[in-house]
Protein backbone atom coordinates (compact mmCIF):
# COMPACT_ATOMS: atom_id res chain seq x y z
CA UNK A 1 102.02 75.54 72.38
CA UNK A 2 104.79 74.12 74.05
CA UNK A 3 105.24 71.21 75.97
CA UNK A 4 105.88 72.59 78.96
CA UNK A 5 102.80 74.65 78.82
CA UNK A 6 100.25 72.20 77.58
CA UNK A 7 99.80 70.51 81.47
CA UNK A 8 99.08 74.27 82.57
CA UNK A 9 97.20 76.05 80.31
CA UNK A 10 94.85 72.80 78.70
CA UNK A 11 91.98 73.15 81.46
CA UNK A 12 91.87 76.87 79.51
CA UNK A 13 90.91 75.21 76.41
CA UNK A 14 88.75 72.45 78.09
CA UNK A 15 86.65 75.50 79.37
CA UNK A 16 86.76 77.43 76.13
CA UNK A 17 85.32 74.06 74.62
CA UNK A 18 82.68 73.53 77.56
CA UNK A 19 81.48 76.98 77.60
CA UNK A 20 81.03 77.81 73.86
CA UNK A 21 79.61 73.91 73.75
CA UNK A 22 76.75 74.85 75.95
CA UNK A 23 76.51 78.93 74.50
CA UNK A 24 76.80 76.43 70.91
CA UNK A 25 73.10 74.73 72.01
CA UNK A 26 71.40 76.85 74.39
CA UNK A 27 71.34 80.55 72.58
CA UNK A 28 69.93 78.94 69.24
CA UNK A 29 67.43 76.09 70.82
CA UNK A 30 66.40 78.39 73.97
CA UNK A 31 63.69 80.00 71.28
CA UNK A 32 62.34 76.60 70.32
CA UNK A 33 62.29 74.67 73.48
CA UNK A 34 60.21 77.64 75.47
CA UNK A 35 58.02 77.48 72.13
CA UNK A 36 57.49 74.03 72.77
CA UNK A 37 56.71 74.38 76.30
CA UNK A 38 53.58 77.05 74.79
CA UNK A 39 54.95 80.23 75.13
CA UNK A 40 53.98 82.99 72.87
CA UNK A 41 56.19 85.11 70.61
CA UNK A 42 56.28 88.30 72.96
CA UNK A 43 57.01 85.87 76.15
CA UNK A 44 59.73 84.46 73.53
CA UNK A 45 61.62 87.71 73.32
CA UNK A 46 61.27 88.96 76.55
CA UNK A 47 62.69 85.69 78.08
CA UNK A 48 65.71 85.25 75.67
CA UNK A 49 66.32 88.99 75.85
CA UNK A 50 67.57 88.51 79.36
CA UNK A 51 70.49 87.45 78.60
CA UNK A 52 71.70 90.59 76.99
CA UNK A 53 69.82 92.30 79.66
CA UNK A 54 72.25 90.64 82.38
CA UNK A 55 75.34 91.21 80.38
CA UNK A 56 74.60 95.33 81.45
CA UNK A 57 75.18 94.26 85.09
CA UNK A 58 76.61 90.82 86.10
CA UNK A 59 80.03 90.63 84.48
CA UNK A 60 80.53 94.32 86.31
CA UNK A 61 79.69 92.48 89.01
CA UNK A 62 81.39 89.79 89.13
CA UNK A 63 84.30 91.16 88.09
CA UNK A 64 84.05 93.92 90.88
CA UNK A 65 83.98 91.26 93.48
CA UNK A 66 87.20 89.45 91.61
CA UNK A 67 89.28 92.58 91.73
CA UNK A 68 88.88 93.59 95.34
CA UNK A 69 89.72 89.82 96.42
CA UNK A 70 92.38 89.34 93.75
CA UNK A 71 91.14 86.30 92.68
CA UNK A 72 88.90 85.65 89.11
CA UNK A 73 89.33 81.27 90.25
CA UNK A 74 87.28 81.30 93.11
CA UNK A 75 84.43 83.74 91.45
CA UNK A 76 84.80 81.42 88.31
CA UNK A 77 84.07 78.58 90.52
CA UNK A 78 81.02 80.07 92.04
CA UNK A 79 79.02 81.38 88.80
CA UNK A 80 80.01 77.70 87.55
CA UNK A 81 78.67 75.99 90.30
CA UNK A 82 75.62 78.05 90.90
CA UNK A 83 74.86 77.83 86.92
CA UNK A 84 75.00 74.41 87.05
CA UNK A 85 72.76 74.43 89.91
CA UNK A 86 70.24 76.39 88.34
CA UNK A 87 70.04 74.14 85.44
CA UNK A 88 67.88 71.52 87.56
CA UNK A 89 65.40 74.50 87.56
CA UNK A 90 65.06 74.01 84.27
CA UNK A 91 63.74 70.08 84.63
CA UNK A 92 60.61 71.24 85.85
CA UNK A 93 58.11 74.67 85.87
CA UNK A 94 55.82 74.55 89.15
CA UNK A 95 54.47 77.72 88.56
CA UNK A 96 54.01 80.12 85.92
CA UNK A 97 56.72 82.51 87.59
CA UNK A 98 59.02 79.91 87.93
CA UNK A 99 60.93 79.79 84.85
CA UNK A 100 61.85 83.71 84.36
CA UNK A 101 63.46 83.71 87.76
CA UNK A 102 65.73 80.49 86.80
CA UNK A 103 66.40 82.09 83.66
CA UNK A 104 67.84 85.54 85.05
CA UNK A 105 69.50 83.50 87.81
CA UNK A 106 71.47 81.92 85.31
CA UNK A 107 72.19 83.91 82.85
CA UNK A 108 73.53 86.53 85.74
CA UNK A 109 75.82 83.74 86.51
CA UNK A 110 76.87 82.39 82.88
CA UNK A 111 77.33 85.94 81.54
CA UNK A 112 80.05 86.75 84.21
CA UNK A 113 82.02 83.54 83.46
CA UNK A 114 83.70 85.05 80.59
CA UNK A 115 84.91 87.92 81.57
CA UNK A 116 86.62 86.11 84.55
CA UNK A 117 87.89 83.26 82.66
CA UNK A 118 89.28 85.72 79.58
CA UNK A 119 90.78 87.86 82.79
CA UNK A 120 92.24 84.61 84.30
CA UNK A 121 93.65 83.06 81.05
CA UNK A 122 95.14 86.86 79.57
CA UNK A 123 97.27 86.46 82.78
CA UNK A 124 98.23 83.27 82.16
CA UNK A 125 99.75 83.43 78.64
CA UNK A 126 101.26 86.87 79.24
CA UNK A 127 105.15 86.53 79.43
CA UNK A 128 107.62 89.10 80.24
CA UNK A 129 104.68 91.81 80.21
CA UNK A 130 103.51 90.84 77.15
CA UNK A 131 100.12 89.18 75.89
CA UNK A 132 101.28 86.17 74.15
CA UNK A 133 98.46 86.05 70.91
CA UNK A 134 99.50 82.56 69.58
CA UNK A 135 98.81 81.40 72.94
CA UNK A 136 95.92 82.79 73.40
CA UNK A 137 94.39 81.04 69.83
CA UNK A 138 95.10 77.81 69.94
CA UNK A 139 93.20 77.66 73.48
CA UNK A 140 90.62 79.73 72.39
CA UNK A 141 90.04 77.63 69.42
CA UNK A 142 88.37 75.20 70.99
CA UNK A 143 86.13 77.58 72.18
CA UNK A 144 85.03 77.51 68.27
CA UNK A 145 84.88 73.85 68.07
CA UNK A 146 83.10 73.32 70.76
CA UNK A 147 80.96 75.70 69.70
CA UNK A 148 80.36 74.18 66.26
CA UNK A 149 80.00 70.34 67.50
CA UNK A 150 76.89 71.20 69.75
CA UNK A 151 75.26 73.27 67.09
CA UNK A 152 75.37 70.58 64.81
CA UNK A 153 74.75 68.00 67.07
CA UNK A 154 72.16 69.35 69.57
CA UNK A 155 70.34 70.52 66.19
CA UNK A 156 70.45 66.85 64.97
CA UNK A 157 69.45 65.86 68.09
CA UNK A 158 66.05 67.89 68.55
CA UNK A 159 65.03 67.82 64.97
CA UNK A 160 64.73 63.72 65.39
CA UNK A 161 63.59 63.66 69.11
CA UNK A 162 61.97 66.81 69.91
CA UNK A 163 63.49 69.56 72.24
CA UNK A 164 62.32 67.64 75.53
CA UNK A 165 66.01 66.86 75.76
CA UNK A 166 66.88 70.78 76.52
CA UNK A 167 67.10 70.52 79.99
CA UNK A 168 69.44 67.75 79.69
CA UNK A 169 72.06 69.58 77.38
CA UNK A 170 72.10 72.51 79.80
CA UNK A 171 73.26 70.74 82.91
CA UNK A 172 75.42 68.43 80.80
CA UNK A 173 77.20 71.28 79.35
CA UNK A 174 77.62 73.00 82.59
CA UNK A 175 78.78 70.41 84.23
CA UNK A 176 81.76 70.00 82.02
CA UNK A 177 82.25 73.89 82.46
CA UNK A 178 82.56 72.81 85.95
CA UNK A 179 84.26 70.35 85.76
CA UNK A 180 87.24 72.41 83.80
CA UNK A 181 86.71 75.05 86.03
CA UNK A 182 88.25 72.79 88.99
CA UNK A 183 90.98 72.15 87.30
CA UNK A 184 92.52 75.14 86.41
CA UNK A 185 95.80 76.24 88.18
CA UNK A 186 96.26 78.82 90.75
CA UNK A 187 97.44 82.36 89.16
CA UNK A 188 100.89 82.94 89.96
CA UNK A 189 102.30 86.38 89.17
CA UNK A 190 104.53 86.34 86.41
CA UNK A 191 108.44 87.64 86.70
CA UNK A 192 106.95 90.22 89.32
CA UNK A 193 106.55 89.78 93.27
CA UNK A 194 102.80 90.08 93.93
CA UNK A 195 102.64 92.93 95.48
CA UNK A 196 103.66 95.02 92.66
CA UNK A 197 102.12 92.61 89.96
CA UNK A 198 98.79 93.18 91.65
CA UNK A 199 99.16 97.11 92.09
CA UNK A 200 97.40 99.09 89.23
CA UNK A 201 96.31 102.75 88.85
CA UNK A 202 93.08 104.50 89.78
CA UNK A 203 89.96 102.90 87.60
CA UNK A 204 88.66 106.54 86.92
CA UNK A 205 92.65 107.45 86.19
CA UNK A 206 92.31 104.71 83.01
CA UNK A 207 89.62 105.69 81.69
CA UNK A 208 89.97 109.44 81.56
CA UNK A 209 92.48 108.40 79.14
CA UNK A 210 91.53 109.31 75.10
CA UNK A 211 92.64 105.92 73.87
CA UNK A 212 90.79 104.24 76.17
CA UNK A 213 87.61 105.91 75.08
CA UNK A 214 88.27 105.24 71.55
CA UNK A 215 88.96 101.75 71.91
CA UNK A 216 85.30 101.45 73.88
CA UNK A 217 83.60 103.67 70.95
CA UNK A 218 85.12 101.23 68.32
CA UNK A 219 84.32 98.33 69.90
CA UNK A 220 80.50 99.41 70.84
CA UNK A 221 79.70 99.82 67.33
CA UNK A 222 82.02 96.85 65.94
CA UNK A 223 80.08 94.72 68.26
CA UNK A 224 76.96 96.09 67.59
CA UNK A 225 76.94 95.46 63.89
CA UNK A 226 77.83 91.82 64.51
CA UNK A 227 74.94 91.51 66.92
CA UNK A 228 72.76 91.92 64.22
CA UNK A 229 74.14 89.76 62.43
CA UNK A 230 73.53 86.93 65.25
CA UNK A 231 69.96 87.78 65.95
CA UNK A 232 68.65 88.24 61.98
CA UNK A 233 71.02 87.13 59.61
CA UNK A 234 69.14 83.26 59.48
CA UNK A 235 65.66 85.27 59.16
CA UNK A 236 66.68 86.88 56.71
CA UNK A 237 68.44 84.42 54.81
CA UNK A 238 65.07 82.10 55.00
CA UNK A 239 63.07 85.24 53.86
CA UNK A 240 65.02 85.50 51.15
CA UNK A 241 64.48 82.01 50.09
CA UNK A 242 67.66 79.76 51.04
CA UNK A 243 67.16 76.65 52.94
CA UNK A 244 68.11 75.80 56.20
CA UNK A 245 70.97 73.65 54.90
CA UNK A 246 72.19 76.31 53.35
CA UNK A 247 71.94 78.80 56.27
CA UNK A 248 73.21 76.84 58.75
CA UNK A 249 76.81 75.63 56.06
CA UNK A 250 77.07 79.61 55.93
CA UNK A 251 77.35 79.59 59.71
CA UNK A 252 79.47 76.71 59.53
CA UNK A 253 81.44 78.30 57.34
CA UNK A 254 82.41 81.56 59.53
CA UNK A 255 83.43 79.00 62.34
CA UNK A 256 86.14 77.02 60.22
CA UNK A 257 87.26 80.15 59.53
CA UNK A 258 87.33 81.58 62.72
CA UNK A 259 89.14 78.26 63.90
CA UNK A 260 91.57 78.83 61.19
CA UNK A 261 92.24 82.42 62.43
CA UNK A 262 92.81 81.64 65.97
CA UNK A 263 95.19 78.68 65.36
CA UNK A 264 97.34 80.54 62.92
CA UNK A 265 97.06 84.03 64.48
CA UNK A 266 100.60 84.17 65.65
CA UNK A 267 101.89 84.73 62.49
CA UNK A 268 99.98 87.42 61.51
CA UNK A 269 98.54 89.96 64.58
CA UNK A 270 102.27 91.32 64.54
CA UNK A 271 102.43 92.94 60.92
CA UNK A 272 100.42 95.48 62.49
CA UNK A 273 99.58 97.37 65.96
CA UNK A 274 96.16 96.84 68.11
CA UNK A 275 94.68 100.08 66.27
CA UNK A 276 95.48 99.38 62.89
CA UNK A 277 94.14 95.75 63.45
CA UNK A 278 90.87 97.61 65.01
CA UNK A 279 90.28 99.89 61.62
CA UNK A 280 91.05 97.03 59.45
CA UNK A 281 88.63 94.50 61.22
CA UNK A 282 85.68 97.62 61.42
CA UNK A 283 86.24 98.22 57.50
CA UNK A 284 86.21 94.65 56.99
CA UNK A 285 82.82 95.01 58.80
CA UNK A 286 81.48 97.44 56.61
CA UNK A 287 82.22 95.72 53.39
CA UNK A 288 80.48 92.93 54.93
CA UNK A 289 77.29 94.35 56.15
CA UNK A 290 76.79 95.52 52.26
CA UNK A 291 77.59 92.63 51.04
CA UNK A 292 74.98 91.28 53.53
CA UNK A 293 72.19 93.93 52.85
CA UNK A 294 72.29 94.30 49.21
CA UNK A 295 74.39 90.94 47.66
CA UNK A 296 72.30 88.43 49.88
CA UNK A 297 70.55 87.20 46.50
CA UNK A 298 74.12 85.97 45.14
CA UNK A 299 75.30 82.79 47.42
CA UNK A 300 78.84 83.87 46.61
CA UNK A 301 78.56 87.02 47.87
CA UNK A 302 77.40 85.68 51.31
CA UNK A 303 80.18 82.64 51.35
CA UNK A 304 82.80 86.16 50.96
CA UNK A 305 80.99 87.83 53.55
CA UNK A 306 81.71 84.89 55.93
CA UNK A 307 85.13 84.14 55.05
CA UNK A 308 86.08 87.85 56.20
CA UNK A 309 84.37 86.36 60.00
CA UNK A 310 88.31 85.05 60.59
CA UNK A 311 89.01 89.47 60.69
CA UNK A 312 85.63 90.43 61.54
CA UNK A 313 85.19 88.63 64.72
CA UNK A 314 88.13 86.20 65.61
CA UNK A 315 90.93 88.90 65.06
CA UNK A 316 89.23 91.45 66.21
CA UNK A 317 88.33 89.60 69.51
CA UNK A 318 91.76 88.35 70.42
CA UNK A 319 93.28 92.21 70.14
CA UNK A 320 90.79 93.59 71.89
CA UNK A 321 91.13 90.62 75.04
CA UNK A 322 95.05 91.41 74.54
CA UNK A 323 94.59 95.08 74.87
CA UNK A 324 92.50 95.41 77.85
CA UNK A 325 94.63 93.00 79.25
CA UNK A 326 97.49 96.27 79.08
CA UNK A 327 95.78 98.73 79.86
CA UNK A 328 93.55 97.28 82.80
CA UNK A 329 96.72 95.73 84.79
CA UNK A 330 96.55 93.82 88.12
CA UNK A 331 93.76 94.57 90.56
CA UNK A 332 91.97 96.31 87.27
CA UNK A 333 92.14 92.84 84.86
CA UNK A 334 88.70 91.47 85.19
CA UNK A 335 86.52 94.88 85.57
CA UNK A 336 88.36 95.29 82.45
CA UNK A 337 87.49 92.03 80.82
CA UNK A 338 83.93 92.97 82.17
CA UNK A 339 83.94 96.53 80.54
CA UNK A 340 84.72 94.57 77.24
CA UNK A 341 81.46 92.57 78.09
CA UNK A 342 79.41 94.75 79.49
CA UNK A 343 80.11 97.62 76.11
CA UNK A 344 79.99 94.91 73.76
CA UNK A 345 77.50 92.14 74.07
CA UNK A 346 75.48 94.28 76.97
CA UNK A 347 75.00 97.49 75.52
CA UNK A 348 75.58 96.83 72.24
CA UNK A 349 73.32 93.40 71.95
CA UNK A 350 70.12 95.51 74.03
CA UNK A 351 70.87 97.92 71.17
CA UNK A 352 70.76 95.75 68.56
CA UNK A 353 68.05 93.90 69.38
CA UNK A 354 65.97 96.98 69.83
CA UNK A 355 67.11 98.72 67.02
CA UNK A 356 67.01 96.25 65.21
CA UNK A 357 63.56 95.00 65.78
CA UNK A 358 62.29 98.61 65.10
CA UNK A 359 64.21 98.69 61.70
CA UNK A 360 62.91 94.96 60.61
CA UNK A 361 59.05 95.97 61.05
CA UNK A 362 59.05 98.88 59.60
CA UNK A 363 61.71 98.77 56.41
CA UNK A 364 62.49 95.25 56.34
CA UNK A 365 65.00 92.11 57.91
CA UNK A 366 67.55 93.85 55.39
CA UNK A 367 67.56 97.47 56.41
CA UNK A 368 68.97 96.06 59.78
CA UNK A 369 72.21 95.32 57.67
CA UNK A 370 72.37 98.83 56.68
CA UNK A 371 72.24 99.86 59.76
CA UNK A 372 75.52 97.29 60.54
CA UNK A 373 76.74 99.49 57.96
CA UNK A 374 76.57 102.70 59.94
CA UNK A 375 77.90 101.03 63.18
CA UNK A 376 80.96 99.64 61.32
CA UNK A 377 81.71 103.12 60.04
CA UNK A 378 81.20 104.70 63.18
CA UNK A 379 83.90 101.80 64.92
CA UNK A 380 86.37 102.78 62.17
CA UNK A 381 85.93 106.55 62.65
CA UNK A 382 87.03 105.64 66.44
CA UNK A 383 89.74 103.14 65.53
CA UNK A 384 91.33 105.41 62.98
CA UNK A 385 93.12 108.07 66.37
CA UNK A 386 94.29 104.46 67.62
CA UNK A 387 95.19 103.16 64.01
CA UNK A 388 97.47 106.90 63.31
CA UNK A 389 99.05 106.36 66.95
CA UNK A 390 100.56 102.87 65.74
CA UNK A 391 100.35 101.03 69.21
CA UNK A 392 97.02 101.73 70.30
CA UNK A 393 98.49 103.59 73.51
């Protein structure tokens, strides 16, 4: 990022850091807080599943409003403000149905924040009609750092003081998000007048394109495999006898290589087309699933599986953001990013939770990674036509 761009783009880095700092403590420790409040396993499962459920509709809701009015920052600020206010509802539970309603409303707003911010950031780092992956990576790595800091720091605090400060963490991290959101600069068209930049083909016309369908098919299978890791990896290793320190270190390996990739991706991504990167990421994900399913008794295999997270998540994520930015231009930009969230982290997340839970109950936790292997191979099959086209257009 050059010096001239830094004052304009640093609020996006702060937003990424704040948002993923919130995710880094909230998602891993919400079940433990609910357990301390006296909720049973079944109720905890339902309450934590609300986040995946809202990702099926919330990103599209906010993106539609954004594209209709032509200003994603307006709705991003609304979501951040409402989410912060809703965290105040976590401080007390006046009646039994209070907390489920608060969590549902909170997730409805936080699930819409990432697509809106990605749409705004993709616009900000695009120059001369092209998506600048190097600049995007230098901003997005702050999100990974924010996640790493809070997942470790919150774990340290909660282990020593208990879960009572959980609502405070929720309010504090979302206060940082809100501060960053209000510092974001206005979006301005680049090298185009406003009417020309905001012009876009009809959404139905874009979705009819075979390449778009192959892309979302590959996205669904790829993210499905990764959500299985997010849900079941720690539980799987714990059952195999690995200590919590080792499990945490393996997660840290994945985040560290993710940060390294985001920092240097500008030199690597131009070597292949988007479609080729999608294919490589899917095939490496299949190998990662196989190593986890059948090689988990050897720590070296697990480390290797976590190292390829640099490609299977970080490279894949950047390629997807850039691909959507090009194929859903102007007034479709926010809805394109919303579809990425809905298909990837909404539908795939719900599928992973439901199928993974059923398979693990019947065949053991290790079997879910065989499902992940099949999902990754399906993603590779969908990515193959895009790779053959060279430019994934």
